[in-house]
C-alpha atoms as a PDB file:
ATOM      1  CA  MET A   1     123.840 111.078 127.057  1.00  0.00           C
ATOM      2  CA  ILE A   2     121.433 109.795 124.405  1.00  0.00           C
ATOM      3  CA  GLY A   3     119.969 113.211 123.679  1.00  0.00           C
ATOM      4  CA  ARG A   4     123.348 114.553 122.635  1.00  0.00           C
ATOM      5  CA  LYS A   5     123.630 111.865 119.961  1.00  0.00           C
ATOM      6  CA  ILE A   6     120.655 113.379 118.125  1.00  0.00           C
ATOM      7  CA  ARG A   7     121.435 115.897 115.400  1.00  0.00           C
ATOM      8  CA  ARG A   8     119.157 118.615 114.066  1.00  0.00           C
ATOM      9  CA  ASP A   9     118.395 116.731 110.828  1.00  0.00           C
ATOM     10  CA  ASP A  10     117.854 113.302 112.406  1.00  0.00           C
ATOM     11  CA  ARG A  11     114.488 111.600 112.012  1.00  0.00           C
ATOM     12  CA  ILE A  12     113.050 110.650 115.408  1.00  0.00           C
ATOM     13  CA  THR A  13     110.275 108.120 115.852  1.00  0.00           C
ATOM     14  CA  ILE A  14     108.350 107.335 119.029  1.00  0.00           C
ATOM     15  CA  LEU A  15     106.588 103.978 119.393  1.00  0.00           C
ATOM     16  CA  SER A  16     104.284 104.359 122.386  1.00  0.00           C
ATOM     17  CA  GLY A  17     102.204 101.823 124.277  1.00  0.00           C
ATOM     18  CA  ALA A  18      99.964 101.598 127.312  1.00  0.00           C
ATOM     19  CA  GLY A  19     102.771 102.449 129.735  1.00  0.00           C
ATOM     20  CA  ILE A  20     103.001 106.087 128.677  1.00  0.00           C
ATOM     21  CA  SER A  21      99.238 106.524 129.138  1.00  0.00           C
ATOM     22  CA  ALA A  22      99.244 104.732 132.493  1.00  0.00           C
ATOM     23  CA  GLU A  23     101.329 107.624 133.830  1.00  0.00           C
ATOM     24  CA  SER A  24      98.378 109.892 133.001  1.00  0.00           C
ATOM     25  CA  GLY A  25      96.006 107.619 134.887  1.00  0.00           C
ATOM     26  CA  VAL A  26      94.372 106.093 131.809  1.00  0.00           C
ATOM     27  CA  PRO A  27      92.862 102.732 132.815  1.00  0.00           C
ATOM     28  CA  THR A  28      94.041  99.673 130.941  1.00  0.00           C
ATOM     29  CA  PHE A  29      90.437  98.496 130.490  1.00  0.00           C
ATOM     30  CA  ARG A  30      91.651  94.993 131.189  1.00  0.00           C
ATOM     31  CA  GLY A  31      90.773  92.968 134.281  1.00  0.00           C
ATOM     32  CA  GLU A  32      89.197  94.986 137.102  1.00  0.00           C
ATOM     33  CA  ASP A  33      89.962  98.279 135.298  1.00  0.00           C
ATOM     34  CA  GLY A  34      87.814  97.236 132.371  1.00  0.00           C
ATOM     35  CA  LEU A  35      84.815  95.791 134.144  1.00  0.00           C
ATOM     36  CA  TRP A  36      81.572  97.558 133.341  1.00  0.00           C
ATOM     37  CA  LYS A  37      78.203  96.116 134.353  1.00  0.00           C
ATOM     38  CA  GLY A  38      79.823  92.706 134.641  1.00  0.00           C
ATOM     39  CA  TYR A  39      81.435  92.822 131.195  1.00  0.00           C
ATOM     40  CA  ASP A  40      85.105  93.129 130.316  1.00  0.00           C
ATOM     41  CA  ALA A  41      86.895  94.443 127.237  1.00  0.00           C
ATOM     42  CA  THR A  42      87.173  91.081 125.516  1.00  0.00           C
ATOM     43  CA  GLN A  43      83.384  90.706 125.636  1.00  0.00           C
ATOM     44  CA  LEU A  44      82.564  94.160 124.304  1.00  0.00           C
ATOM     45  CA  ALA A  45      85.395  95.264 121.999  1.00  0.00           C
ATOM     46  CA  THR A  46      84.486  92.891 119.179  1.00  0.00           C
ATOM     47  CA  PRO A  47      82.509  93.205 115.945  1.00  0.00           C
ATOM     48  CA  GLN A  48      80.347  90.314 117.132  1.00  0.00           C
ATOM     49  CA  ALA A  49      79.354  92.190 120.309  1.00  0.00           C
ATOM     50  CA  PHE A  50      78.481  95.281 118.268  1.00  0.00           C
ATOM     51  CA  ALA A  51      76.372  93.251 115.849  1.00  0.00           C
ATOM     52  CA  ARG A  52      74.589  91.541 118.744  1.00  0.00           C
ATOM     53  CA  ASP A  53      73.954  94.597 120.936  1.00  0.00           C
ATOM     54  CA  PRO A  54      75.275  97.871 119.505  1.00  0.00           C
ATOM     55  CA  GLN A  55      73.609  99.966 122.183  1.00  0.00           C
ATOM     56  CA  LYS A  56      75.494  98.182 124.957  1.00  0.00           C
ATOM     57  CA  VAL A  57      78.815  98.556 123.158  1.00  0.00           C
ATOM     58  CA  LEU A  58      78.199 102.253 122.494  1.00  0.00           C
ATOM     59  CA  GLU A  59      77.270 102.835 126.143  1.00  0.00           C
ATOM     60  CA  TRP A  60      80.530 101.155 127.197  1.00  0.00           C
ATOM     61  CA  TYR A  61      82.530 103.441 124.926  1.00  0.00           C
ATOM     62  CA  THR A  62      80.721 106.471 126.318  1.00  0.00           C
ATOM     63  CA  TRP A  63      81.832 105.345 129.789  1.00  0.00           C
ATOM     64  CA  ARG A  64      85.397 104.825 128.555  1.00  0.00           C
ATOM     65  CA  ARG A  65      85.526 108.270 126.930  1.00  0.00           C
ATOM     66  CA  LYS A  66      84.404 109.903 130.148  1.00  0.00           C
ATOM     67  CA  LEU A  67      87.211 108.239 132.111  1.00  0.00           C
ATOM     68  CA  ILE A  68      89.834 109.098 129.498  1.00  0.00           C
ATOM     69  CA  ALA A  69      88.636 112.695 129.116  1.00  0.00           C
ATOM     70  CA  GLU A  70      89.438 113.254 132.781  1.00  0.00           C
ATOM     71  CA  CYS A  71      93.110 112.332 132.144  1.00  0.00           C
ATOM     72  CA  ASN A  72      95.714 114.769 130.832  1.00  0.00           C
ATOM     73  CA  PRO A  73      98.914 114.404 128.812  1.00  0.00           C
ATOM     74  CA  ASN A  74     101.896 113.846 131.075  1.00  0.00           C
ATOM     75  CA  ALA A  75     105.489 115.057 130.892  1.00  0.00           C
ATOM     76  CA  ALA A  76     106.410 112.348 128.362  1.00  0.00           C
ATOM     77  CA  HIS A  77     103.640 113.340 125.931  1.00  0.00           C
ATOM     78  CA  ASN A  78     104.563 116.993 126.386  1.00  0.00           C
ATOM     79  CA  ALA A  79     108.286 116.406 125.811  1.00  0.00           C
ATOM     80  CA  ILE A  80     107.582 114.585 122.542  1.00  0.00           C
ATOM     81  CA  ALA A  81     105.313 117.390 121.329  1.00  0.00           C
ATOM     82  CA  ALA A  82     107.834 120.029 122.411  1.00  0.00           C
ATOM     83  CA  LEU A  83     110.531 118.338 120.339  1.00  0.00           C
ATOM     84  CA  GLU A  84     108.329 118.541 117.254  1.00  0.00           C
ATOM     85  CA  ASP A  85     107.524 122.185 118.057  1.00  0.00           C
ATOM     86  CA  ALA A  86     111.263 122.861 118.231  1.00  0.00           C
ATOM     87  CA  GLY A  87     111.559 121.892 114.580  1.00  0.00           C
ATOM     88  CA  TYR A  88     112.738 118.296 114.825  1.00  0.00           C
ATOM     89  CA  ASP A  89     111.377 115.622 112.505  1.00  0.00           C
ATOM     90  CA  VAL A  90     109.282 113.634 114.975  1.00  0.00           C
ATOM     91  CA  THR A  91     106.665 110.991 114.188  1.00  0.00           C
ATOM     92  CA  VAL A  92     104.633 109.147 116.813  1.00  0.00           C
ATOM     93  CA  ILE A  93     103.453 105.602 116.143  1.00  0.00           C
ATOM     94  CA  THR A  94     101.070 104.735 118.950  1.00  0.00           C
ATOM     95  CA  GLN A  95      99.164 101.668 120.065  1.00  0.00           C
ATOM     96  CA  ASN A  96      97.032 103.892 122.310  1.00  0.00           C
ATOM     97  CA  VAL A  97      93.569 105.181 121.420  1.00  0.00           C
ATOM     98  CA  ASP A  98      93.289 107.864 124.108  1.00  0.00           C
ATOM     99  CA  ASN A  99      94.179 110.937 121.989  1.00  0.00           C
ATOM    100  CA  LEU A 100      96.728 112.156 124.563  1.00  0.00           C
ATOM    101  CA  HIS A 101      99.518 112.624 122.013  1.00  0.00           C
ATOM    102  CA  ARG A 102      97.286 114.937 119.977  1.00  0.00           C
ATOM    103  CA  ARG A 103      96.154 116.826 123.077  1.00  0.00           C
ATOM    104  CA  ALA A 104      99.805 117.366 123.984  1.00  0.00           C
ATOM    105  CA  GLY A 105     100.371 118.937 120.564  1.00  0.00           C
ATOM    106  CA  SER A 106     101.932 116.183 118.461  1.00  0.00           C
ATOM    107  CA  ARG A 107     100.824 116.397 114.840  1.00  0.00           C
ATOM    108  CA  LYS A 108     102.545 113.582 112.951  1.00  0.00           C
ATOM    109  CA  ILE A 109     100.843 110.526 114.461  1.00  0.00           C
ATOM    110  CA  VAL A 110     100.070 107.024 113.232  1.00  0.00           C
ATOM    111  CA  GLU A 111      97.284 105.608 115.423  1.00  0.00           C
ATOM    112  CA  LEU A 112      97.610 101.863 114.896  1.00  0.00           C
ATOM    113  CA  HIS A 113      94.544 100.917 116.924  1.00  0.00           C
ATOM    114  CA  GLY A 114      92.380 103.933 116.150  1.00  0.00           C
ATOM    115  CA  ASN A 115      91.138 106.764 118.345  1.00  0.00           C
ATOM    116  CA  ILE A 116      88.335 106.565 120.894  1.00  0.00           C
ATOM    117  CA  PHE A 117      87.306 110.150 120.107  1.00  0.00           C
ATOM    118  CA  LYS A 118      86.595 109.280 116.477  1.00  0.00           C
ATOM    119  CA  LEU A 119      83.621 107.494 114.916  1.00  0.00           C
ATOM    120  CA  ARG A 120      83.199 105.776 111.580  1.00  0.00           C
ATOM    121  CA  CYS A 121      80.348 104.201 109.641  1.00  0.00           C
ATOM    122  CA  SER A 122      79.595 100.616 110.594  1.00  0.00           C
ATOM    123  CA  GLY A 123      78.710 100.004 106.964  1.00  0.00           C
ATOM    124  CA  GLY A 124      82.119 100.860 105.584  1.00  0.00           C
ATOM    125  CA  CYS A 125      81.778 104.470 104.413  1.00  0.00           C
ATOM    126  CA  SER A 126      85.180 106.123 104.318  1.00  0.00           C
ATOM    127  CA  GLY A 127      84.332 109.190 106.388  1.00  0.00           C
ATOM    128  CA  ILE A 128      85.591 109.571 109.974  1.00  0.00           C
ATOM    129  CA  ILE A 129      83.955 111.924 112.487  1.00  0.00           C
ATOM    130  CA  THR A 130      85.954 113.457 115.354  1.00  0.00           C
ATOM    131  CA  ILE A 131      84.265 114.342 118.628  1.00  0.00           C
ATOM    132  CA  SER A 132      85.807 116.365 121.422  1.00  0.00           C
ATOM    133  CA  GLU A 133      86.436 115.316 125.007  1.00  0.00           C
ATOM    134  CA  GLU A 134      83.786 117.848 126.050  1.00  0.00           C
ATOM    135  CA  THR A 135      81.009 116.521 123.807  1.00  0.00           C
ATOM    136  CA  PRO A 136      78.049 115.444 125.996  1.00  0.00           C
ATOM    137  CA  PRO A 137      76.962 111.846 125.396  1.00  0.00           C
ATOM    138  CA  GLU A 138      73.569 112.992 124.135  1.00  0.00           C
ATOM    139  CA  ASN A 139      75.276 115.086 121.423  1.00  0.00           C
ATOM    140  CA  ILE A 140      77.451 112.300 120.039  1.00  0.00           C
ATOM    141  CA  PRO A 141      76.132 111.523 116.529  1.00  0.00           C
ATOM    142  CA  ARG A 142      74.638 108.080 116.023  1.00  0.00           C
ATOM    143  CA  ALA A 143      74.029 107.887 112.271  1.00  0.00           C
ATOM    144  CA  CYS A 144      76.514 108.152 109.425  1.00  0.00           C
ATOM    145  CA  PRO A 145      75.900 111.483 107.633  1.00  0.00           C
ATOM    146  CA  ALA A 146      76.584 109.827 104.267  1.00  0.00           C
ATOM    147  CA  CYS A 147      74.374 106.734 104.391  1.00  0.00           C
ATOM    148  CA  GLY A 148      72.443 106.830 107.677  1.00  0.00           C
ATOM    149  CA  LEU A 149      73.851 103.586 109.081  1.00  0.00           C
ATOM    150  CA  LEU A 150      74.957 103.384 112.703  1.00  0.00           C
ATOM    151  CA  LEU A 151      78.305 104.910 113.596  1.00  0.00           C
ATOM    152  CA  ARG A 152      80.811 102.801 115.551  1.00  0.00           C
ATOM    153  CA  PRO A 153      83.957 103.735 117.461  1.00  0.00           C
ATOM    154  CA  HIS A 154      86.974 104.172 115.186  1.00  0.00           C
ATOM    155  CA  ILE A 155      88.785 101.403 117.065  1.00  0.00           C
ATOM    156  CA  VAL A 156      90.461  98.215 115.855  1.00  0.00           C
ATOM    157  CA  TRP A 157      88.554  95.584 117.821  1.00  0.00           C
ATOM    158  CA  PHE A 158      89.611  92.096 118.826  1.00  0.00           C
ATOM    159  CA  GLY A 159      89.428  89.891 115.751  1.00  0.00           C
ATOM    160  CA  GLU A 160      89.894  92.800 113.317  1.00  0.00           C
ATOM    161  CA  PHE A 161      92.944  93.633 111.218  1.00  0.00           C
ATOM    162  CA  LEU A 162      94.841  96.900 111.526  1.00  0.00           C
ATOM    163  CA  TYR A 163      94.224  99.360 108.729  1.00  0.00           C
ATOM    164  CA  PRO A 164      96.698  98.557 105.931  1.00  0.00           C
ATOM    165  CA  GLU A 165      97.427 102.254 105.373  1.00  0.00           C
ATOM    166  CA  ASP A 166      98.436 102.685 109.021  1.00  0.00           C
ATOM    167  CA  VAL A 167     100.702  99.637 108.961  1.00  0.00           C
ATOM    168  CA  SER A 168     102.215 100.849 105.693  1.00  0.00           C
ATOM    169  CA  ALA A 169     102.832 104.325 107.126  1.00  0.00           C
ATOM    170  CA  ALA A 170     104.474 102.808 110.198  1.00  0.00           C
ATOM    171  CA  HIS A 171     106.706 100.519 108.143  1.00  0.00           C
ATOM    172  CA  CYS A 172     107.733 103.371 105.851  1.00  0.00           C
ATOM    173  CA  ARG A 173     108.712 105.547 108.802  1.00  0.00           C
ATOM    174  CA  LEU A 174     110.601 102.744 110.568  1.00  0.00           C
ATOM    175  CA  ALA A 175     112.613 102.090 107.426  1.00  0.00           C
ATOM    176  CA  ASN A 176     113.589 105.758 107.312  1.00  0.00           C
ATOM    177  CA  THR A 177     114.289 106.785 110.890  1.00  0.00           C
ATOM    178  CA  ASP A 178     117.528 107.531 112.693  1.00  0.00           C
ATOM    179  CA  PHE A 179     116.269 107.114 116.264  1.00  0.00           C
ATOM    180  CA  LEU A 180     113.458 104.937 117.560  1.00  0.00           C
ATOM    181  CA  PHE A 181     112.252 105.351 121.133  1.00  0.00           C
ATOM    182  CA  ILE A 182     110.085 102.421 122.260  1.00  0.00           C
ATOM    183  CA  VAL A 183     108.116 103.850 125.170  1.00  0.00           C
ATOM    184  CA  GLY A 184     105.879 101.940 127.569  1.00  0.00           C
ATOM    185  CA  THR A 185     105.126  98.948 125.384  1.00  0.00           C
ATOM    186  CA  SER A 186     105.455  95.303 126.353  1.00  0.00           C
ATOM    187  CA  GLY A 187     107.028  94.143 123.125  1.00  0.00           C
ATOM    188  CA  VAL A 188     104.666  91.187 122.792  1.00  0.00           C
ATOM    189  CA  VAL A 189     101.708  92.563 120.788  1.00  0.00           C
ATOM    190  CA  HIS A 190     102.171  92.220 117.041  1.00  0.00           C
ATOM    191  CA  PRO A 191     102.797  93.791 114.662  1.00  0.00           C
ATOM    192  CA  ALA A 192     104.190  96.541 116.907  1.00  0.00           C
ATOM    193  CA  ALA A 193     106.449  94.013 118.643  1.00  0.00           C
ATOM    194  CA  SER A 194     108.415  93.701 115.404  1.00  0.00           C
ATOM    195  CA  PHE A 195     108.857  97.430 114.841  1.00  0.00           C
ATOM    196  CA  GLY A 196     112.038  97.695 116.883  1.00  0.00           C
ATOM    197  CA  TYR A 197     113.648  94.968 114.775  1.00  0.00           C
ATOM    198  CA  LEU A 198     112.579  96.686 111.539  1.00  0.00           C
ATOM    199  CA  ALA A 199     114.097  99.993 112.618  1.00  0.00           C
ATOM    200  CA  LYS A 200     117.259  98.313 113.870  1.00  0.00           C
ATOM    201  CA  GLU A 201     117.739  96.466 110.568  1.00  0.00           C
ATOM    202  CA  ALA A 202     117.345  99.780 108.753  1.00  0.00           C
ATOM    203  CA  GLY A 203     120.162 101.284 110.804  1.00  0.00           C
ATOM    204  CA  ALA A 204     118.288 103.185 113.516  1.00  0.00           C
ATOM    205  CA  TYR A 205     119.553 103.679 117.060  1.00  0.00           C
ATOM    206  CA  VAL A 206     116.863 102.040 119.194  1.00  0.00           C
ATOM    207  CA  VAL A 207     116.122 103.060 122.777  1.00  0.00           C
ATOM    208  CA  GLU A 208     113.656 101.301 125.064  1.00  0.00           C
ATOM    209  CA  ILE A 209     112.024 103.138 127.974  1.00  0.00           C
ATOM    210  CA  ASN A 210     109.964 101.006 130.327  1.00  0.00           C
ATOM    211  CA  ILE A 211     109.439 100.320 134.017  1.00  0.00           C
ATOM    212  CA  GLU A 212     110.782  96.789 133.499  1.00  0.00           C
ATOM    213  CA  LEU A 213     112.709  94.695 131.008  1.00  0.00           C
ATOM    214  CA  THR A 214     110.779  93.310 128.028  1.00  0.00           C
ATOM    215  CA  PRO A 215     111.425  90.785 125.250  1.00  0.00           C
ATOM    216  CA  LEU A 216     112.855  93.715 123.257  1.00  0.00           C
ATOM    217  CA  SER A 217     115.501  94.596 125.826  1.00  0.00           C
ATOM    218  CA  GLU A 218     118.135  92.301 124.359  1.00  0.00           C
ATOM    219  CA  MET A 219     117.959  93.774 120.852  1.00  0.00           C
ATOM    220  CA  VAL A 220     117.857  97.509 121.546  1.00  0.00           C
ATOM    221  CA  ASP A 221     120.898  99.772 121.766  1.00  0.00           C
ATOM    222  CA  ALA A 222     119.884 101.121 125.170  1.00  0.00           C
ATOM    223  CA  THR A 223     117.299 100.230 127.792  1.00  0.00           C
ATOM    224  CA  LEU A 224     116.319 102.868 130.333  1.00  0.00           C
ATOM    225  CA  ILE A 225     114.311 101.552 133.266  1.00  0.00           C
ATOM    226  CA  GLY A 226     111.892 104.028 134.777  1.00  0.00           C
ATOM    227  CA  ARG A 227     108.918 106.273 134.070  1.00  0.00           C
ATOM    228  CA  ALA A 228     108.742 107.857 130.636  1.00  0.00           C
ATOM    229  CA  GLY A 229     107.539 111.107 132.183  1.00  0.00           C
ATOM    230  CA  GLU A 230     110.847 111.390 134.021  1.00  0.00           C
ATOM    231  CA  ILE A 231     113.206 109.989 131.395  1.00  0.00           C
ATOM    232  CA  LEU A 232     112.071 111.554 128.099  1.00  0.00           C
ATOM    233  CA  PRO A 233     112.184 115.195 129.287  1.00  0.00           C
ATOM    234  CA  LYS A 234     115.777 114.637 130.427  1.00  0.00           C
ATOM    235  CA  ILE A 235     116.774 113.101 127.094  1.00  0.00           C
ATOM    236  CA  PHE A 236     115.205 115.865 125.043  1.00  0.00           C
ATOM    237  CA  GLU A 237     116.219 118.776 127.302  1.00  0.00           C
ATOM    238  CA  PRO A 238     119.539 119.515 125.522  1.00  0.00           C
ATOM    239  CA  LEU A 239     117.730 119.491 122.175  1.00  0.00           C
ATOM    240  CA  LEU A 240     115.025 121.893 123.317  1.00  0.00           C
ATOM    241  CA  GLY A 241     117.668 124.237 124.644  1.00  0.00           C
ATOM    242  CA  ALA A 242     119.276 124.449 121.215  1.00  0.00           C
ATOM    243  CA  LYS A 243     116.389 125.614 119.042  1.00  0.00           C
END
């Protein structure tokens, strides 16, 4: 069993994608899931859309936050957080923006695409503001407290580059991990699609968990087909029993 291969001092990394959040009911915001007043994600999640009509983009994100706030971490999120609570060296690298890993209790997280419950200055100020899932839309701040410019979602939009510090943190962890679990990600979106190869080249044992095979399936050490919420708790159970 994979869980029994893990030792107390091993470094464990989780690369999570949309699949783990889908088990919590988080919409993909693509296709029919993402339609809002006739718009889809590719029309609204861009710097050009924000520059053209910031109010419309902000209203769309308010709608998205409401849908996500009604979702809860699932058994996969909880198992990952429980492993960290048990004293294991666990880092989550996530492509998701829904905050579910943090709500489950994970603390060491690299959010590659940002976080929908955070805001930052549209003018480039370095400060980031966190809002809670319970914050009413009318209480969400609009202006940057440092310079007064409009705040925007702390999200990497289409056409934008990932934050170099996040990519650097991810690369550093992947080069120094013993186990990499690739959970619910398609293996086609870069740069995350290359992360399994980076960890493998550095000597990590790489496990893929997905409901179907992906382009990564041929390079990993083990592919487990099924729901992360069913598989991860079983893998980590022997570790949690040996605190």
